[in-house]
Every structure is written in C-alpha cells, then in structure tokens.
C-alpha cells in the first residue's frame, strides 16, 4: 500500500506538470491511467522493492527542473539518493548550469541524512553503507541480472575478471557523468530532452541497478512524448500510445525476457528525445 501511495504521488506530480505544459485534462487523465499501469513498476511491487520511493524522488526532480523550481528539484535529488549512484548522475551536471539545484540537493540531502539517522539509528545507517560497499565490491550482487553496461559485460563475457569489469563499468559511469556535464554546459536551458537523457544514462551506466528500477523509464517516456508533441510529430492524444506501447513491450518481455529488448527500448527513447530537434534544426539551417 505504501508503494502504491508513492506511485500515485509521482503520477500526481507528473500529471500536474503536463497540465502546466498546456496538455488538455482528458489527455492528462489518460496519461495518469497509463502511468498507473506502467508494467516496470509492477516488478518493484512483486519484489517488494523501494523503487516507488526512488521514482517519487526523480519525479520531484523532473517537476522542479521543468518548472524552474530549484528547491523542489534539489529535494527530489535528496530523496533519490536512496540510489546514490542514480542521484549523482542527475545532480553533478547542475554544477555547470542552474547551480542552485546542486546546493539545494546538498542541503536537503544533509537534512534527510540526519532524519534517516534518527529514524533507523547509527547502526542502521552503517548497515546501509556496508550494503552499498558490498554491492560495489568484486563483481557485485547479481550483476548478470542487471539491465546496465556492467550487466551486459558479465552476460557477454561470463569469465570477465572483477578488475576489468570494475575498470570498464566505473570508467563508463564517470564518462557518462562527464558527458552529461558537457551537455548541460552547452545547452541554453535544461528541458525535457536533457531530463530524459539524464535518466536514461543513469539507468544504463549505473554500477548497480536492478530490473525493478526500470520503473524510472516512466520519466524519459513522458519526456519523449513532450518532445514529439512540441516538434509537431504527434498530437497529444496519440503521444500517449508511446507510454502504452513501452508498457506492453515490457509486459511481453516479462514473459520471454530478453535483455536486448530493454537496451533497444532505451536506445529508441534516446533517439526520440534528440533526433526530432536535431532534424528540425538541420533543415532550418539549410539555405532556401
């Protein structure tokens, strides 16, 4: 029930964001219903995982970033720090643009750290930190089941050494953060394109992230819908089929289970976020 409440809170935030973007009430209701039935989130429900809390944090971050509310964006990052490997990817680029988001993240993070320490005690906090280090040590915990770069490496090369895996995986993680920092630095403003891309990169390059955290894909799917509508490629009522389509694909894949489907979906979303704007800018720049 608690997970459902945070899921509903996330959808309420995102629905409110779409209303502020000018989407009609009917389409927003359909979007909320499709988001409620978004299949990857049910994986978290079935496994009793806390991905709904993380989704709520990232939804808050998304809402804050796209409504120019740095305080809310920082709070979202503080909550998303339950997955510190995800929160860092989303937070560090703000050192290069809209730096207030970063400082609000530090502030809220400190407050939440004190709160959770009082809630679970010092020993509980130590156990949490030890779990983080354990998941990062050697080949980690169930890396072969992760929908990430490191997971793909282990599945492709089962005999890969822990040293090479960590050098490649953590090296990719650092490069991904540097790439996002470059994107933030070169962007005039942070829009749905950058938000969706950051979440996709946080999923693929995270050193530790399991299938139940694919619930975060809800954010880049919604961002891609906004891009497709803004670029006049789809109408609002038709863009919702992208969310439904991704959910259906993951439902079917939940039966047959091919990791390649997950990576192809992430790649497709990345292209939908960036190609329409790039194509339009290219044609506008052509003479005549």
Protein backbone atom coordinates (compact mmCIF):
# COMPACT_ATOMS: atom_id res chain seq x y z
CA UNK A 1 0.00 0.00 0.00
CA UNK A 2 2.85 2.40 0.86
CA UNK A 3 4.49 1.73 -2.51
CA UNK A 4 1.19 2.44 -4.27
CA UNK A 5 0.84 5.74 -2.39
CA UNK A 6 4.24 6.93 -3.57
CA UNK A 7 3.45 5.71 -7.09
CA UNK A 8 0.26 7.78 -7.03
CA UNK A 9 2.15 10.79 -5.66
CA UNK A 10 4.58 10.51 -8.57
CA UNK A 11 1.73 10.38 -11.07
CA UNK A 12 0.03 13.37 -9.42
CA UNK A 13 3.21 15.41 -9.77
CA UNK A 14 3.73 14.39 -13.39
CA UNK A 15 0.08 14.99 -14.26
CA UNK A 16 0.37 18.45 -12.74
CA UNK A 17 3.48 19.06 -14.82
CA UNK A 18 1.66 18.13 -18.03
CA UNK A 19 -1.20 20.45 -17.11
CA UNK A 20 1.32 23.26 -16.70
CA UNK A 21 2.71 22.37 -20.12
CA UNK A 22 -0.75 23.00 -21.55
CA UNK A 23 -1.97 19.44 -22.11
CA UNK A 24 -5.78 19.03 -22.03
CA UNK A 25 -7.34 17.47 -18.94
CA UNK A 26 -8.61 14.41 -20.83
CA UNK A 27 -5.17 13.53 -22.18
CA UNK A 28 -3.61 14.07 -18.76
CA UNK A 29 -6.10 11.66 -17.19
CA UNK A 30 -5.31 9.06 -19.85
CA UNK A 31 -1.61 9.62 -19.23
CA UNK A 32 -2.10 9.12 -15.47
CA UNK A 33 -4.02 5.87 -16.01
CA UNK A 34 -1.35 4.57 -18.39
CA UNK A 35 1.31 5.56 -15.86
CA UNK A 36 -0.56 3.71 -13.12
CA UNK A 37 -0.47 0.56 -15.29
CA UNK A 38 3.16 1.05 -16.40
CA UNK A 39 4.49 -2.51 -16.24
CA UNK A 40 8.08 -1.97 -14.96
CA UNK A 41 6.70 -0.53 -11.73
CA UNK A 42 4.82 -3.75 -11.04
CA UNK A 43 8.16 -5.57 -10.97
CA UNK A 44 9.02 -3.48 -7.92
CA UNK A 45 5.65 -4.28 -6.33
CA UNK A 46 6.07 -8.01 -6.84
CA UNK A 47 9.58 -7.99 -5.38
CA UNK A 48 8.71 -5.65 -2.53
CA UNK A 49 11.41 -3.20 -3.61
CA UNK A 50 11.56 0.52 -2.81
CA UNK A 51 11.71 1.68 -6.44
CA UNK A 52 8.45 3.64 -5.99
CA UNK A 53 10.24 5.88 -3.47
CA UNK A 54 13.08 6.49 -5.92
CA UNK A 55 10.58 7.18 -8.72
CA UNK A 56 8.89 9.74 -6.48
CA UNK A 57 12.23 11.47 -5.89
CA UNK A 58 13.09 11.55 -9.59
CA UNK A 59 9.55 12.76 -10.40
CA UNK A 60 10.01 15.61 -7.92
CA UNK A 61 13.36 16.40 -9.56
CA UNK A 62 11.74 16.37 -13.00
CA UNK A 63 8.91 18.62 -11.85
CA UNK A 64 11.32 21.05 -10.21
CA UNK A 65 13.69 21.21 -13.17
CA UNK A 66 10.98 21.75 -15.78
CA UNK A 67 9.10 24.34 -13.71
CA UNK A 68 12.27 26.23 -12.71
CA UNK A 69 11.79 25.38 -9.05
CA UNK A 70 15.34 24.61 -7.93
CA UNK A 71 14.28 23.93 -4.33
CA UNK A 72 11.88 21.17 -5.39
CA UNK A 73 14.44 19.74 -7.82
CA UNK A 74 17.01 19.57 -5.02
CA UNK A 75 14.53 17.87 -2.70
CA UNK A 76 13.81 15.28 -5.38
CA UNK A 77 17.51 14.55 -5.73
CA UNK A 78 17.82 14.24 -1.97
CA UNK A 79 15.07 11.60 -1.94
CA UNK A 80 16.52 9.86 -4.99
CA UNK A 81 19.79 9.49 -3.03
CA UNK A 82 18.34 6.20 -1.81
CA UNK A 83 20.07 5.18 -5.04
CA UNK A 84 23.19 7.35 -4.70
CA UNK A 85 24.59 6.05 -7.98
CA UNK A 86 21.49 7.44 -9.74
CA UNK A 87 21.30 10.68 -7.77
CA UNK A 88 24.93 11.59 -8.57
CA UNK A 89 24.33 11.25 -12.31
CA UNK A 90 21.32 13.55 -12.08
CA UNK A 91 22.93 16.04 -9.68
CA UNK A 92 26.52 16.64 -10.82
CA UNK A 93 25.64 18.28 -14.18
CA UNK A 94 23.99 21.10 -12.22
CA UNK A 95 27.43 22.27 -11.18
CA UNK A 96 27.63 23.67 -14.72
CA UNK A 97 24.15 25.14 -15.12
CA UNK A 98 21.49 26.10 -12.59
CA UNK A 99 23.92 25.52 -9.73
CA UNK A 100 21.24 26.27 -7.15
CA UNK A 101 19.80 22.81 -7.83
CA UNK A 102 23.10 21.29 -6.71
CA UNK A 103 23.20 23.33 -3.49
CA UNK A 104 19.59 22.54 -2.69
CA UNK A 105 20.48 18.86 -3.23
CA UNK A 106 23.33 19.15 -0.72
CA UNK A 107 21.10 20.97 1.76
CA UNK A 108 18.13 18.61 1.51
CA UNK A 109 20.48 15.62 1.44
CA UNK A 110 22.03 16.69 4.75
CA UNK A 111 18.60 17.19 6.34
CA UNK A 112 17.35 13.81 5.10
CA UNK A 113 20.56 12.13 6.26
CA UNK A 114 20.01 13.44 9.79
CA UNK A 115 16.34 12.43 9.66
CA UNK A 116 17.01 8.87 8.49
CA UNK A 117 19.83 8.50 11.02
CA UNK A 118 17.37 9.40 13.79
CA UNK A 119 14.82 7.06 12.23
CA UNK A 120 16.98 3.94 11.78
CA UNK A 121 19.81 4.73 14.16
CA UNK A 122 23.54 4.91 13.61
CA UNK A 123 23.82 1.13 13.30
CA UNK A 124 21.12 1.09 10.64
CA UNK A 125 22.97 3.77 8.70
CA UNK A 126 26.18 1.76 8.98
CA UNK A 127 24.39 -1.33 7.66
CA UNK A 128 23.07 0.72 4.70
CA UNK A 129 26.57 1.98 3.86
CA UNK A 130 28.01 -1.52 4.21
CA UNK A 131 25.36 -2.82 1.81
CA UNK A 132 26.39 -0.15 -0.72
CA UNK A 133 30.04 -1.16 -0.47
CA UNK A 134 29.14 -4.85 -0.66
CA UNK A 135 27.13 -4.30 -3.84
CA UNK A 136 30.10 -2.44 -5.35
CA UNK A 137 32.78 -4.92 -4.30
CA UNK A 138 34.21 -7.51 -6.69
CA UNK A 139 31.55 -8.46 -9.20
CA UNK A 140 28.81 -7.01 -7.02
CA UNK A 141 25.47 -8.69 -6.27
CA UNK A 142 23.70 -10.42 -9.19
CA UNK A 143 25.41 -8.20 -11.77
CA UNK A 144 24.45 -10.65 -14.52
CA UNK A 145 20.78 -9.78 -13.92
CA UNK A 146 21.27 -6.02 -14.22
CA UNK A 147 19.96 -4.08 -17.28
CA UNK A 148 23.14 -1.99 -17.28
CA UNK A 149 26.51 -1.76 -19.01
CA UNK A 150 28.12 -3.92 -16.33
CA UNK A 151 25.31 -6.45 -16.61
CA UNK A 152 25.78 -6.66 -20.38
CA UNK A 153 29.53 -7.19 -19.93
CA UNK A 154 29.04 -10.08 -17.49
CA UNK A 155 26.41 -11.74 -19.69
CA UNK A 156 28.57 -11.36 -22.81
CA UNK A 157 31.84 -12.32 -21.11
CA UNK A 158 30.97 -14.64 -18.19
CA UNK A 159 34.62 -15.15 -17.35
CA UNK A 160 35.47 -11.46 -17.12
CA UNK A 161 37.61 -10.62 -14.08
CA UNK A 162 36.29 -8.35 -11.35
CA UNK A 163 39.12 -5.90 -12.00
CA UNK A 164 38.39 -5.48 -15.71
CA UNK A 165 34.64 -5.34 -15.04
CA UNK A 166 35.03 -2.58 -12.47
CA UNK A 167 37.51 -0.58 -14.56
CA UNK A 168 35.17 -0.72 -17.55
CA UNK A 169 31.93 -0.26 -15.60
CA UNK A 170 33.05 2.55 -13.31
CA UNK A 171 35.02 4.13 -16.15
CA UNK A 172 31.83 4.19 -18.22
CA UNK A 173 29.96 5.65 -15.24
CA UNK A 174 32.45 8.52 -14.88
CA UNK A 175 32.47 9.20 -18.63
CA UNK A 176 28.66 9.22 -18.66
CA UNK A 177 28.61 11.86 -15.92
CA UNK A 178 31.22 13.94 -17.76
CA UNK A 179 29.16 13.67 -20.95
CA UNK A 180 26.05 14.94 -19.16
CA UNK A 181 28.05 17.78 -17.63
CA UNK A 182 29.13 18.74 -21.16
CA UNK A 183 25.51 18.56 -22.38
CA UNK A 184 24.38 20.80 -19.51
CA UNK A 185 27.21 23.26 -20.19
CA UNK A 186 26.37 23.55 -23.90
CA UNK A 187 22.58 23.67 -23.51
CA UNK A 188 20.82 27.04 -23.47
CA UNK A 189 18.35 25.67 -20.98
CA UNK A 190 17.52 22.37 -19.34
CA UNK A 191 14.39 20.94 -20.96
CA UNK A 192 12.65 17.60 -21.35
CA UNK A 193 15.40 16.44 -23.71
CA UNK A 194 18.12 16.79 -21.11
CA UNK A 195 15.96 15.41 -18.31
CA UNK A 196 15.01 12.29 -20.26
CA UNK A 197 18.58 11.72 -21.44
CA UNK A 198 19.96 12.03 -17.90
CA UNK A 199 17.57 9.39 -16.55
CA UNK A 200 18.34 7.01 -19.43
CA UNK A 201 22.09 7.40 -18.84
CA UNK A 202 21.66 6.91 -15.09
CA UNK A 203 19.98 3.56 -15.82
CA UNK A 204 22.44 2.23 -18.39
CA UNK A 205 25.69 3.30 -16.74
CA UNK A 206 24.78 2.80 -13.09
CA UNK A 207 27.26 0.44 -11.41
CA UNK A 208 24.41 -1.19 -9.50
CA UNK A 209 20.80 -1.16 -10.69
CA UNK A 210 18.32 -4.00 -11.00
CA UNK A 211 15.30 -4.60 -13.19
CA UNK A 212 12.79 -3.25 -10.66
CA UNK A 213 14.41 0.19 -11.02
CA UNK A 214 13.38 0.26 -14.67
CA UNK A 215 10.30 1.98 -13.26
CA UNK A 216 12.43 5.13 -13.77
CA UNK A 217 11.85 4.69 -17.51
CA UNK A 218 8.48 6.35 -16.94
CA UNK A 219 10.28 9.72 -16.89
CA UNK A 220 12.12 9.51 -20.25
CA UNK A 221 9.00 8.06 -21.91
CA UNK A 222 6.99 11.09 -20.77
CA UNK A 223 9.80 13.41 -21.85
CA UNK A 224 9.86 11.79 -25.31
CA UNK A 225 6.10 12.33 -25.57
CA UNK A 226 6.55 16.04 -24.87
CA UNK A 227 9.31 16.31 -27.47
CA UNK A 228 7.26 14.55 -30.14
CA UNK A 229 4.29 16.84 -29.48
CA UNK A 230 6.39 20.01 -29.34
CA UNK A 231 8.04 19.11 -32.66
CA UNK A 232 4.60 18.55 -34.24
CA UNK A 233 5.33 14.88 -34.94
CA UNK A 234 2.44 13.54 -32.86
CA UNK A 235 -0.72 15.00 -31.46
CA UNK A 236 -1.19 14.85 -27.71
CA UNK A 237 -3.86 12.16 -27.83
CA UNK A 238 -1.61 9.97 -30.00
CA UNK A 239 1.58 10.54 -27.99
CA UNK A 240 0.07 8.59 -25.10
CA UNK A 241 0.37 5.44 -27.21
CA UNK A 242 4.16 5.67 -26.73
CA UNK A 243 3.70 5.15 -22.99
CA UNK A 244 1.20 2.36 -23.56
CA UNK A 245 3.47 0.77 -26.18
CA UNK A 246 6.52 0.70 -23.92
CA UNK A 247 4.42 -0.81 -21.14
CA UNK A 248 3.08 -3.51 -23.46
CA UNK A 249 6.58 -4.32 -24.74
CA UNK A 250 7.85 -4.76 -21.18
CA UNK A 251 4.80 -6.85 -20.27
CA UNK A 252 5.53 -9.25 -23.13
CA UNK A 253 9.23 -9.19 -22.36
CA UNK A 254 8.41 -10.09 -18.77
CA UNK A 255 7.29 -13.48 -20.10
CA UNK A 256 10.11 -14.22 -22.55
CA UNK A 257 12.78 -11.94 -21.04
CA UNK A 258 15.35 -10.62 -23.49
CA UNK A 259 17.76 -8.01 -22.17
CA UNK A 260 18.26 -6.80 -25.73
CA UNK A 261 14.66 -5.52 -25.71
CA UNK A 262 15.46 -3.33 -22.70
CA UNK A 263 18.55 -1.84 -24.34
CA UNK A 264 16.75 -1.30 -27.66
CA UNK A 265 13.89 0.48 -25.86
CA UNK A 266 16.36 2.75 -24.07
CA UNK A 267 18.13 3.48 -27.37
CA UNK A 268 14.80 4.24 -29.08
CA UNK A 269 13.81 6.64 -26.31
CA UNK A 270 17.16 8.41 -26.59
CA UNK A 271 16.66 8.85 -30.33
CA UNK A 272 13.10 10.11 -29.86
CA UNK A 273 14.35 12.68 -27.37
CA UNK A 274 17.08 14.14 -29.57
CA UNK A 275 16.60 13.32 -33.25
CA UNK A 276 13.41 15.40 -33.86
CA UNK A 277 15.02 18.62 -32.61
CA UNK A 278 18.28 17.91 -34.42
CA UNK A 279 16.44 17.15 -37.68
CA UNK A 280 14.37 20.30 -37.42
CA UNK A 281 17.41 22.48 -36.68
CA UNK A 282 19.28 20.94 -39.59
CA UNK A 283 16.51 21.69 -42.06
CA UNK A 284 16.02 25.23 -40.75
CA UNK A 285 19.74 25.84 -41.29
CA UNK A 286 19.61 24.73 -44.93
CA UNK A 287 19.51 27.64 -47.41
CA UNK A 288 16.35 28.11 -49.47
